[in-house]
Amino acid sequence: MMKIAISGKGGVGKTLLSAFLARAFAVDGYDVIAIDADPDANLGASLGFPDAGKIVPISHLKELIRERTGARPSAGGAYFKLNPRVDDLPDEYSTRHDGIRLLVMGEVKRGGGGCYCPENVLLGSLMSHLLLGRDEIVILDMAAGIEHLSRGTAKAVDRLIIVVEPGQASLETAHRVKQLAGDIGIKELAVVGNKVRSADEEAYIRKGTKGLDMLGVIPYDAGLVDAQMRGLPIIQSPAIKSSVDAIYAKLTAPRNT
């Protein structure tokens, strides 16, 4: 059962790829759990989950955090459990729709905000369980960094996919993510180009990500903007589905050992 993490600069299409891949695995008969670990993403809405905006992230469930860790949220310096029970959370706090289970994680606190606190411990333990202790296909939609992953969970990630678009800032973020991934031991990295309008733009992306495995490119689809404005699921684009199906075929093809 594959564990796929998806990262990249904000706005490049991480959630789009996460949604289409989750749907592809589900249609193929796999048990899929889609993890929204990007505070700025909207994976549930992209997948067409009813009332997706009303789902409360795990990191916002103060009573749950207190119950499992023994301390109130953001209680930096307080005593709390470092290994809280989390094995029941995916089933109890996820939402299921069209064969996909969705779990919204919420933000990881950093730096001066109290990076070592009860909610971070709970999220870290939950992520470890999802990647190391579950049998589903896991699709992890992350923020631009990889804060939800650690050295302990990195070994469970079968592939870290970095989504890029034609643009220098996107490529720079991709190389930062590559360095961060290397620091925690993730070796299986790949790139997907998104919002590609021409052969020149595809060539630009390939040149800027040379040395990384290119899984494929996704064309720009103006219809997505309209779908998002109308609150419709983005997984209805035929052109994008065709491109992601090809990426899915590469991901699931037998690999030489």
Protein backbone atom coordinates (compact mmCIF):
# COMPACT_ATOMS: atom_id res chain seq x y z
CA MET A 1 0.00 0.00 0.00
CA MET A 2 1.62 3.22 -1.18
CA LYS A 3 2.24 6.29 0.95
CA ILE A 4 2.55 9.37 -1.26
CA ALA A 5 3.42 12.84 0.03
CA ILE A 6 2.82 15.89 -2.19
CA SER A 7 4.54 19.23 -1.67
CA GLY A 8 5.48 22.39 -3.56
CA LYS A 9 5.02 26.15 -3.55
CA GLY A 10 1.63 27.48 -2.55
CA GLY A 11 -0.79 27.68 -5.45
CA VAL A 12 1.05 25.31 -7.81
CA GLY A 13 -1.61 22.61 -7.65
CA LYS A 14 -0.68 20.26 -4.81
CA THR A 15 -4.31 19.84 -3.83
CA LEU A 16 -5.35 19.28 -7.42
CA LEU A 17 -2.86 16.43 -7.84
CA SER A 18 -3.74 15.00 -4.41
CA ALA A 19 -7.45 14.96 -5.29
CA PHE A 20 -7.03 13.36 -8.69
CA LEU A 21 -4.62 10.71 -7.40
CA ALA A 22 -6.89 9.88 -4.46
CA ARG A 23 -9.78 9.46 -6.88
CA ALA A 24 -7.69 7.31 -9.26
CA PHE A 25 -6.70 4.92 -6.48
CA ALA A 26 -10.28 4.75 -5.17
CA VAL A 27 -11.72 4.03 -8.61
CA ASP A 28 -9.17 1.23 -8.95
CA GLY A 29 -10.60 -0.37 -5.82
CA TYR A 30 -8.02 0.64 -3.21
CA ASP A 31 -8.84 1.84 0.29
CA VAL A 32 -7.68 5.44 0.30
CA ILE A 33 -7.12 7.93 3.09
CA ALA A 34 -6.50 11.49 1.91
CA ILE A 35 -4.75 13.67 4.48
CA ASP A 36 -5.14 17.44 4.27
CA ALA A 37 -2.00 18.69 6.02
CA ASP A 38 -1.91 22.10 4.33
CA PRO A 39 -3.68 24.82 6.36
CA ASP A 40 -4.23 26.77 3.12
CA ALA A 41 -5.52 23.82 1.10
CA ASN A 42 -9.07 22.64 0.56
CA LEU A 43 -8.74 18.98 -0.27
CA GLY A 44 -12.24 18.06 0.89
CA ALA A 45 -13.92 20.61 -1.35
CA SER A 46 -11.71 19.60 -4.27
CA LEU A 47 -12.88 16.01 -3.85
CA GLY A 48 -16.51 17.05 -3.59
CA PHE A 49 -17.01 16.19 0.08
CA PRO A 50 -20.34 17.58 1.33
CA ASP A 51 -19.91 20.41 3.87
CA ALA A 52 -16.12 20.14 3.55
CA GLY A 53 -15.70 23.63 5.00
CA LYS A 54 -17.29 22.55 8.28
CA ILE A 55 -14.69 19.86 9.01
CA VAL A 56 -12.70 20.83 12.13
CA PRO A 57 -8.95 20.09 11.87
CA ILE A 58 -7.44 17.74 14.45
CA SER A 59 -5.14 20.52 15.69
CA HIS A 60 -8.22 22.59 16.67
CA LEU A 61 -9.85 19.90 18.80
CA LYS A 62 -8.79 21.25 22.19
CA GLU A 63 -10.61 18.69 24.32
CA LEU A 64 -9.18 15.81 22.29
CA ILE A 65 -5.67 17.22 22.62
CA ARG A 66 -6.07 17.63 26.37
CA GLU A 67 -7.56 14.15 26.76
CA ARG A 68 -4.82 12.39 24.78
CA THR A 69 -1.77 14.36 25.90
CA GLY A 70 -2.79 15.43 29.40
CA ALA A 71 -2.15 19.10 28.70
CA ARG A 72 -4.05 21.97 27.16
CA PRO A 73 -3.08 23.07 23.61
CA SER A 74 -0.07 25.38 23.23
CA ALA A 75 1.09 24.53 26.75
CA GLY A 76 4.77 24.89 25.99
CA GLY A 77 6.95 23.74 28.87
CA ALA A 78 4.14 21.77 30.51
CA TYR A 79 4.30 18.06 31.19
CA PHE A 80 2.37 15.95 28.69
CA LYS A 81 2.38 12.51 27.13
CA LEU A 82 4.89 12.11 24.34
CA ASN A 83 3.22 9.00 22.93
CA PRO A 84 -0.54 9.63 23.06
CA ARG A 85 -2.97 7.05 21.77
CA VAL A 86 -3.97 7.87 18.18
CA ASP A 87 -4.86 4.56 16.52
CA ASP A 88 -8.60 5.23 16.79
CA LEU A 89 -8.49 8.80 15.45
CA PRO A 90 -8.45 8.09 11.69
CA ASP A 91 -11.69 6.15 11.94
CA GLU A 92 -13.39 8.41 14.48
CA TYR A 93 -12.42 11.82 13.09
CA SER A 94 -12.27 11.21 9.35
CA THR A 95 -15.08 11.73 6.84
CA ARG A 96 -15.85 9.26 4.05
CA HIS A 97 -17.18 10.06 0.58
CA ASP A 98 -17.07 8.13 -2.72
CA GLY A 99 -14.64 5.55 -1.39
CA ILE A 100 -12.16 8.07 0.05
CA ARG A 101 -11.57 8.73 3.73
CA LEU A 102 -10.55 12.36 4.45
CA LEU A 103 -8.64 13.46 7.54
CA VAL A 104 -7.85 17.15 8.10
CA MET A 105 -4.75 17.64 10.24
CA GLY A 106 -4.39 21.40 10.66
CA GLU A 107 -1.31 23.50 11.11
CA VAL A 108 1.97 22.56 12.77
CA LYS A 109 3.15 25.27 15.15
CA ARG A 110 6.67 26.54 14.61
CA GLY A 111 9.37 28.61 16.22
CA GLY A 112 8.20 31.21 18.70
CA GLY A 113 4.67 29.84 18.46
CA GLY A 114 5.71 26.88 20.61
CA CYS A 115 6.90 24.20 18.22
CA TYR A 116 7.06 21.51 20.91
CA CYS A 117 3.59 21.50 22.35
CA PRO A 118 0.71 19.04 22.91
CA GLU A 119 -0.99 19.57 19.55
CA ASN A 120 2.29 19.02 17.68
CA VAL A 121 2.94 15.85 19.64
CA LEU A 122 -0.55 14.58 18.83
CA LEU A 123 -0.20 15.45 15.13
CA GLY A 124 3.23 13.83 14.98
CA SER A 125 1.99 10.64 16.61
CA LEU A 126 -1.03 10.56 14.32
CA MET A 127 1.12 11.03 11.23
CA SER A 128 3.41 8.21 12.34
CA HIS A 129 0.40 5.94 12.77
CA LEU A 130 -1.05 6.88 9.39
CA LEU A 131 2.20 6.21 7.55
CA LEU A 132 3.53 3.28 9.56
CA GLY A 133 0.49 1.55 11.00
CA ARG A 134 -2.27 1.72 8.39
CA ASP A 135 -2.93 -0.44 5.33
CA GLU A 136 -4.67 2.12 3.12
CA ILE A 137 -3.22 4.07 0.26
CA VAL A 138 -2.19 7.36 1.90
CA ILE A 139 -2.20 10.60 -0.12
CA LEU A 140 -0.67 13.41 1.94
CA ASP A 141 -1.35 16.96 0.74
CA MET A 142 1.27 19.12 2.49
CA ALA A 143 2.25 22.76 2.73
CA ALA A 144 5.31 24.11 0.92
CA GLY A 145 7.58 22.54 3.51
CA ILE A 146 7.47 19.03 4.96
CA GLU A 147 6.85 19.89 8.62
CA HIS A 148 4.43 16.99 9.12
CA LEU A 149 7.17 14.49 8.30
CA SER A 150 10.09 13.41 10.47
CA ARG A 151 13.05 11.08 10.19
CA GLY A 152 10.91 8.39 11.75
CA THR A 153 8.08 8.69 9.23
CA ALA A 154 10.26 9.46 6.19
CA LYS A 155 11.08 5.79 5.65
CA ALA A 156 7.39 5.04 5.15
CA VAL A 157 6.99 7.54 2.28
CA ASP A 158 7.15 5.64 -0.99
CA ARG A 159 7.32 8.80 -3.06
CA LEU A 160 7.54 12.51 -2.36
CA ILE A 161 6.06 14.34 -5.34
CA ILE A 162 6.98 18.00 -5.77
CA VAL A 163 4.48 19.94 -7.88
CA VAL A 164 5.90 22.81 -9.91
CA GLU A 165 4.55 25.35 -12.36
CA PRO A 166 6.38 27.42 -14.99
CA GLY A 167 8.12 30.04 -12.86
CA GLN A 168 11.38 30.59 -11.01
CA ALA A 169 9.81 30.82 -7.54
CA SER A 170 8.18 27.44 -7.99
CA LEU A 171 11.46 25.84 -9.04
CA GLU A 172 13.31 27.40 -6.10
CA THR A 173 10.73 25.97 -3.70
CA ALA A 174 11.14 22.56 -5.34
CA HIS A 175 14.87 22.59 -4.68
CA ARG A 176 14.31 23.64 -1.05
CA VAL A 177 11.86 20.78 -0.58
CA LYS A 178 14.39 18.42 -2.17
CA GLN A 179 17.03 19.53 0.34
CA LEU A 180 14.65 19.19 3.30
CA ALA A 181 13.64 15.74 2.10
CA GLY A 182 17.25 14.68 1.87
CA ASP A 183 17.89 15.92 5.41
CA ILE A 184 15.32 13.49 6.83
CA GLY A 185 16.17 10.59 4.56
CA ILE A 186 13.55 10.67 1.81
CA LYS A 187 15.21 9.36 -1.33
CA GLU A 188 12.28 8.66 -3.65
CA LEU A 189 11.51 12.10 -5.08
CA ALA A 190 9.65 12.98 -8.26
CA VAL A 191 8.28 16.06 -10.00
CA VAL A 192 4.96 16.83 -11.66
CA GLY A 193 4.62 19.93 -13.80
CA ASN A 194 1.28 21.74 -13.60
CA LYS A 195 -0.44 24.60 -15.45
CA VAL A 196 1.60 23.82 -18.57
CA ARG A 197 0.40 25.70 -21.66
CA SER A 198 3.07 24.83 -24.21
CA ALA A 199 6.04 22.65 -25.10
CA ASP A 200 8.32 25.55 -24.15
CA GLU A 201 6.87 25.68 -20.64
CA GLU A 202 7.29 21.93 -20.27
CA ALA A 203 10.91 22.20 -21.43
CA TYR A 204 11.46 25.01 -18.90
CA ILE A 205 10.20 22.83 -16.07
CA ARG A 206 12.24 19.83 -17.17
CA LYS A 207 15.40 21.92 -17.35
CA GLY A 208 14.77 23.51 -13.96
CA THR A 209 14.19 20.14 -12.26
CA LYS A 210 16.93 18.19 -14.02
CA GLY A 211 18.07 15.26 -11.91
CA LEU A 212 14.59 14.60 -10.50
CA ASP A 213 12.25 11.94 -11.87
CA MET A 214 9.59 13.65 -14.00
CA LEU A 215 6.31 11.76 -13.60
CA GLY A 216 4.45 13.91 -16.09
CA VAL A 217 2.83 17.27 -16.78
CA ILE A 218 -0.70 18.54 -16.28
CA PRO A 219 -2.11 21.07 -18.75
CA TYR A 220 -3.49 24.44 -17.78
CA ASP A 221 -7.29 24.28 -17.66
CA ALA A 222 -9.15 27.59 -17.46
CA GLY A 223 -12.27 25.64 -16.54
CA LEU A 224 -10.79 24.93 -13.12
CA VAL A 225 -11.00 28.60 -12.18
CA ASP A 226 -14.69 28.62 -13.05
CA ALA A 227 -15.25 25.41 -11.09
CA GLN A 228 -13.57 26.83 -8.02
CA MET A 229 -15.58 30.06 -8.24
CA ARG A 230 -18.79 28.04 -8.45
CA GLY A 231 -17.77 25.75 -5.59
CA LEU A 232 -17.67 22.65 -7.81
CA PRO A 233 -15.27 19.72 -7.34
CA ILE A 234 -12.13 20.16 -9.43
CA ILE A 235 -11.87 16.47 -10.28
CA GLN A 236 -14.32 16.86 -13.17
CA SER A 237 -11.75 18.12 -15.71
CA PRO A 238 -11.31 15.49 -18.50
CA ALA A 239 -7.98 16.94 -19.71
CA ILE A 240 -6.46 16.89 -16.24
CA LYS A 241 -7.87 13.44 -15.50
CA SER A 242 -6.17 12.06 -18.60
CA SER A 243 -2.81 13.53 -17.57
CA VAL A 244 -3.11 12.33 -13.96
CA ASP A 245 -4.16 8.87 -15.16
CA ALA A 246 -0.81 8.67 -16.97
CA ILE A 247 0.98 9.77 -13.78
CA TYR A 248 -1.01 7.21 -11.81
CA ALA A 249 0.05 4.48 -14.25
CA LYS A 250 3.71 5.37 -13.68
CA LEU A 251 3.29 5.36 -9.92
CA THR A 252 1.64 1.95 -9.86
CA ALA A 253 3.79 0.27 -12.52
CA PRO A 254 6.19 -2.45 -11.26
CA ARG A 255 9.62 -1.00 -10.60
CA ASN A 256 12.94 -2.65 -11.32
CA THR A 257 14.86 -3.65 -8.19
